[in-house]
Amino acid sequence: MPPTLANGKICYIELPAVDVTRSADFYQSAFGWNIRTRGDGNVAFDDAVGEVSGAWVRGRPPSSEPGLLVYIMVDDAAAALNKVVENGGTIVQPIGADAPEITARFCDPAGNLIGLYQERVEP
């Protein structure tokens, strides 16, 4: 199914990377992102549901301080944090800091600060 095409939709993200292959491997292993090589030879990604795409770019400093902060939705924040660490990321803010929201923050292997968000299920 093609991604939703609509006015105002966030559709593309450029992530700074020192080692594009390492960053691509990280996001593929930790979050199931689809990694592909574009026609111009650059490595790109599609998120796990095929709605947001992007690419890694060299020559830019990592976004390591909270300013614009992108969150990745996950089914299980604790399990996602384990995958982040297993694949070379670093936990910056553990689960619970934004309670009652279920969030956490990590730095990817390039040093980019990214958030995790788990939808709360009401009993």
Protein backbone atom coordinates (compact mmCIF):
# COMPACT_ATOMS: atom_id res chain seq x y z
CA MET A 1 0.00 0.00 0.00
CA PRO A 2 1.49 3.40 -0.92
CA PRO A 3 2.04 5.99 1.82
CA THR A 4 -0.62 8.55 2.59
CA LEU A 5 -0.12 11.63 0.42
CA ALA A 6 -1.70 14.64 2.09
CA ASN A 7 -1.05 18.32 2.57
CA GLY A 8 0.82 18.94 5.83
CA LYS A 9 2.07 15.37 6.33
CA ILE A 10 5.64 14.93 7.56
CA CYS A 11 7.13 12.85 4.79
CA TYR A 12 10.95 13.00 4.77
CA ILE A 13 13.69 13.19 7.39
CA GLU A 14 17.43 13.70 6.95
CA LEU A 15 19.47 12.16 9.76
CA PRO A 16 23.11 13.15 10.25
CA ALA A 17 25.47 10.17 10.16
CA VAL A 18 29.19 9.61 10.50
CA ASP A 19 28.98 6.03 9.18
CA VAL A 20 25.88 5.63 7.00
CA THR A 21 26.09 1.83 6.97
CA ARG A 22 26.27 1.66 10.76
CA SER A 23 23.33 4.05 11.12
CA ALA A 24 21.27 2.13 8.56
CA ASP A 25 22.02 -1.17 10.31
CA PHE A 26 21.04 0.38 13.67
CA TYR A 27 17.60 1.57 12.53
CA GLN A 28 16.90 -1.59 10.57
CA SER A 29 17.78 -3.84 13.53
CA ALA A 30 16.24 -1.72 16.29
CA PHE A 31 13.03 -0.59 14.54
CA GLY A 32 12.54 -2.68 11.40
CA TRP A 33 13.07 0.19 8.98
CA ASN A 34 13.38 -0.74 5.30
CA ILE A 35 16.80 0.24 4.00
CA ARG A 36 17.29 0.86 0.30
CA THR A 37 19.78 2.41 -2.10
CA ARG A 38 18.34 5.25 -4.15
CA GLY A 39 19.04 5.79 -7.83
CA ASP A 40 21.69 8.38 -6.92
CA GLY A 41 23.54 5.76 -4.82
CA ASN A 42 22.64 7.24 -1.43
CA VAL A 43 21.29 4.98 1.31
CA ALA A 44 17.72 5.82 2.29
CA PHE A 45 15.05 4.43 4.59
CA ASP A 46 11.33 3.96 4.91
CA ASP A 47 9.89 3.67 8.41
CA ALA A 48 8.36 0.38 9.54
CA VAL A 49 4.91 1.28 8.19
CA GLY A 50 6.05 2.90 4.94
CA GLU A 51 4.71 6.35 5.78
CA VAL A 52 7.90 8.36 6.34
CA SER A 53 11.10 8.12 4.34
CA GLY A 54 14.44 9.79 4.54
CA ALA A 55 18.17 9.41 4.20
CA TRP A 56 21.36 9.75 6.18
CA VAL A 57 23.54 12.74 5.42
CA ARG A 58 27.22 13.26 6.16
CA GLY A 59 28.86 16.53 7.01
CA ARG A 60 26.22 17.70 9.49
CA PRO A 61 26.59 17.61 13.24
CA PRO A 62 24.30 15.22 15.08
CA SER A 63 21.18 16.69 16.60
CA SER A 64 22.16 15.80 20.17
CA GLU A 65 20.26 18.46 22.13
CA PRO A 66 16.48 18.61 22.42
CA GLY A 67 15.20 21.18 19.96
CA LEU A 68 13.21 19.61 17.20
CA LEU A 69 12.73 16.11 18.60
CA VAL A 70 11.43 13.20 16.52
CA TYR A 71 9.71 10.31 18.32
CA ILE A 72 9.48 6.75 17.00
CA MET A 73 6.29 4.91 17.96
CA VAL A 74 6.92 1.47 19.45
CA ASP A 75 4.73 -1.34 20.79
CA ASP A 76 6.90 -1.84 23.88
CA ALA A 77 9.21 0.97 25.01
CA ALA A 78 11.25 -1.26 27.35
CA ALA A 79 11.89 -3.83 24.62
CA ALA A 80 12.74 -1.04 22.16
CA LEU A 81 15.28 0.43 24.58
CA ASN A 82 16.89 -2.99 24.89
CA LYS A 83 17.22 -3.16 21.09
CA VAL A 84 18.62 0.38 21.03
CA VAL A 85 21.38 -0.56 23.47
CA GLU A 86 22.04 -3.95 21.79
CA ASN A 87 22.60 -2.14 18.49
CA GLY A 88 24.92 0.60 19.74
CA GLY A 89 22.59 3.34 20.95
CA THR A 90 22.70 5.04 24.35
CA ILE A 91 19.74 5.70 26.65
CA VAL A 92 19.53 9.40 27.52
CA GLN A 93 16.16 9.54 29.27
CA PRO A 94 14.64 6.36 30.72
CA ILE A 95 10.97 5.49 30.66
CA GLY A 96 8.96 7.44 33.25
CA ALA A 97 10.35 10.95 32.93
CA ASP A 98 7.26 12.14 31.01
CA ALA A 99 4.69 10.12 33.00
CA PRO A 100 1.90 9.43 32.49
CA GLU A 101 3.07 9.32 28.85
CA ILE A 102 5.27 6.33 28.05
CA THR A 103 8.36 7.85 26.47
CA ALA A 104 12.12 7.54 26.53
CA ARG A 105 15.00 9.17 24.66
CA PHE A 106 18.16 7.75 23.21
CA CYS A 107 21.13 8.75 21.08
CA ASP A 108 21.74 6.71 17.95
CA PRO A 109 25.29 5.64 16.97
CA ALA A 110 25.87 9.02 15.26
CA GLY A 111 24.78 10.95 18.37
CA ASN A 112 21.31 12.05 17.23
CA LEU A 113 18.79 12.44 20.05
CA ILE A 114 15.58 10.54 19.24
CA GLY A 115 12.49 9.86 21.33
CA LEU A 116 10.46 6.69 21.78
CA TYR A 117 6.72 6.78 22.30
CA GLN A 118 4.47 3.91 23.41
CA GLU A 119 0.72 4.37 23.23
CA ARG A 120 -0.88 3.88 26.64
CA VAL A 121 -3.57 1.24 26.79
CA GLU A 122 -6.35 2.18 29.17
CA PRO A 123 -7.79 -0.71 31.23
